[in-house]
Amino acid sequence: MTNFRSTHVNVNETETRHLRQRLQVEITWLSRQLQDMQSADHLPDHSLQQTYREMIFSRRALLGRIPR
């Protein structure tokens, strides 16, 4: 059976690890910001909340495409 797993050429493991860590830090920070906004006493800014959700989604998608 043929292995269809893609091969990544010239992928630096150290840089990949740093990128994964950076994305995870950003996802955590954005999630906390979103949670703080949702629990705030003042009127919610729905457009900013949606922006945070989209930023989290895009970073998770990128994280899923980075080789391990």
C-alpha atoms as a PDB file:
ATOM      1  CA  MET A   1       0.000   0.000   0.000  1.00  0.00           C
ATOM      2  CA  THR A   2       1.301   3.448  -0.883  1.00  0.00           C
ATOM      3  CA  ASN A   3       1.826   6.039   1.831  1.00  0.00           C
ATOM      4  CA  PHE A   4       0.038   9.248   0.776  1.00  0.00           C
ATOM      5  CA  ARG A   5       1.335  11.329   3.659  1.00  0.00           C
ATOM      6  CA  SER A   6       2.785  14.568   2.348  1.00  0.00           C
ATOM      7  CA  THR A   7       6.491  15.128   2.669  1.00  0.00           C
ATOM      8  CA  HIS A   8       7.686  18.529   3.825  1.00  0.00           C
ATOM      9  CA  VAL A   9      10.998  19.607   2.383  1.00  0.00           C
ATOM     10  CA  ASN A  10      13.326  21.948   4.266  1.00  0.00           C
ATOM     11  CA  VAL A  11      11.165  22.188   7.383  1.00  0.00           C
ATOM     12  CA  ASN A  12      13.184  23.362  10.351  1.00  0.00           C
ATOM     13  CA  GLU A  13      11.925  21.554  13.446  1.00  0.00           C
ATOM     14  CA  THR A  14      13.005  24.330  15.804  1.00  0.00           C
ATOM     15  CA  GLU A  15      11.193  27.012  13.806  1.00  0.00           C
ATOM     16  CA  THR A  16       8.125  24.803  13.508  1.00  0.00           C
ATOM     17  CA  ARG A  17       8.097  24.200  17.260  1.00  0.00           C
ATOM     18  CA  HIS A  18       8.428  27.938  17.932  1.00  0.00           C
ATOM     19  CA  LEU A  19       5.612  28.722  15.514  1.00  0.00           C
ATOM     20  CA  ARG A  20       3.342  26.126  17.139  1.00  0.00           C
ATOM     21  CA  GLN A  21       4.118  27.537  20.599  1.00  0.00           C
ATOM     22  CA  ARG A  22       3.512  31.110  19.414  1.00  0.00           C
ATOM     23  CA  LEU A  23       0.150  30.158  17.906  1.00  0.00           C
ATOM     24  CA  GLN A  24      -0.880  28.357  21.102  1.00  0.00           C
ATOM     25  CA  VAL A  25       0.052  31.420  23.188  1.00  0.00           C
ATOM     26  CA  GLU A  26      -1.960  33.667  20.878  1.00  0.00           C
ATOM     27  CA  ILE A  27      -4.966  31.335  20.973  1.00  0.00           C
ATOM     28  CA  THR A  28      -4.850  31.289  24.777  1.00  0.00           C
ATOM     29  CA  TRP A  29      -4.557  35.094  24.964  1.00  0.00           C
ATOM     30  CA  LEU A  30      -7.406  35.647  22.496  1.00  0.00           C
ATOM     31  CA  SER A  31      -9.607  33.125  24.309  1.00  0.00           C
ATOM     32  CA  ARG A  32      -9.037  34.912  27.609  1.00  0.00           C
ATOM     33  CA  GLN A  33      -9.805  38.284  26.036  1.00  0.00           C
ATOM     34  CA  LEU A  34     -13.030  36.882  24.592  1.00  0.00           C
ATOM     35  CA  GLN A  35     -13.995  35.323  27.914  1.00  0.00           C
ATOM     36  CA  ASP A  36     -13.304  38.601  29.735  1.00  0.00           C
ATOM     37  CA  MET A  37     -15.463  40.502  27.260  1.00  0.00           C
ATOM     38  CA  GLN A  38     -18.312  38.047  27.678  1.00  0.00           C
ATOM     39  CA  SER A  39     -18.246  38.342  31.468  1.00  0.00           C
ATOM     40  CA  ALA A  40     -17.862  42.137  31.553  1.00  0.00           C
ATOM     41  CA  ASP A  41     -20.524  44.302  33.177  1.00  0.00           C
ATOM     42  CA  HIS A  42     -20.791  46.770  30.294  1.00  0.00           C
ATOM     43  CA  LEU A  43     -22.598  46.311  26.982  1.00  0.00           C
ATOM     44  CA  PRO A  44     -20.992  43.627  24.827  1.00  0.00           C
ATOM     45  CA  ASP A  45     -19.175  44.619  21.642  1.00  0.00           C
ATOM     46  CA  HIS A  46     -20.462  41.896  19.342  1.00  0.00           C
ATOM     47  CA  SER A  47     -18.291  42.834  16.384  1.00  0.00           C
ATOM     48  CA  LEU A  48     -15.124  42.678  18.491  1.00  0.00           C
ATOM     49  CA  GLN A  49     -16.215  39.341  19.961  1.00  0.00           C
ATOM     50  CA  GLN A  50     -16.741  37.987  16.448  1.00  0.00           C
ATOM     51  CA  THR A  51     -13.313  39.268  15.432  1.00  0.00           C
ATOM     52  CA  TYR A  52     -11.727  37.407  18.353  1.00  0.00           C
ATOM     53  CA  ARG A  53     -13.612  34.226  17.393  1.00  0.00           C
ATOM     54  CA  GLU A  54     -12.382  34.491  13.812  1.00  0.00           C
ATOM     55  CA  MET A  55      -8.811  35.124  14.948  1.00  0.00           C
ATOM     56  CA  ILE A  56      -8.960  32.057  17.209  1.00  0.00           C
ATOM     57  CA  PHE A  57     -10.454  29.959  14.401  1.00  0.00           C
ATOM     58  CA  SER A  58      -7.784  30.995  11.884  1.00  0.00           C
ATOM     59  CA  ARG A  59      -4.933  30.297  14.301  1.00  0.00           C
ATOM     60  CA  ARG A  60      -6.352  26.875  15.149  1.00  0.00           C
ATOM     61  CA  ALA A  61      -6.670  26.102  11.444  1.00  0.00           C
ATOM     62  CA  LEU A  62      -3.054  27.123  10.845  1.00  0.00           C
ATOM     63  CA  LEU A  63      -1.919  25.113  13.870  1.00  0.00           C
ATOM     64  CA  GLY A  64      -3.642  22.063  12.407  1.00  0.00           C
ATOM     65  CA  ARG A  65      -1.740  22.412   9.126  1.00  0.00           C
ATOM     66  CA  ILE A  66       1.720  22.710  10.664  1.00  0.00           C
ATOM     67  CA  PRO A  67       3.645  19.423  10.614  1.00  0.00           C
ATOM     68  CA  ARG A  68       4.416  17.864  13.976  1.00  0.00           C
END
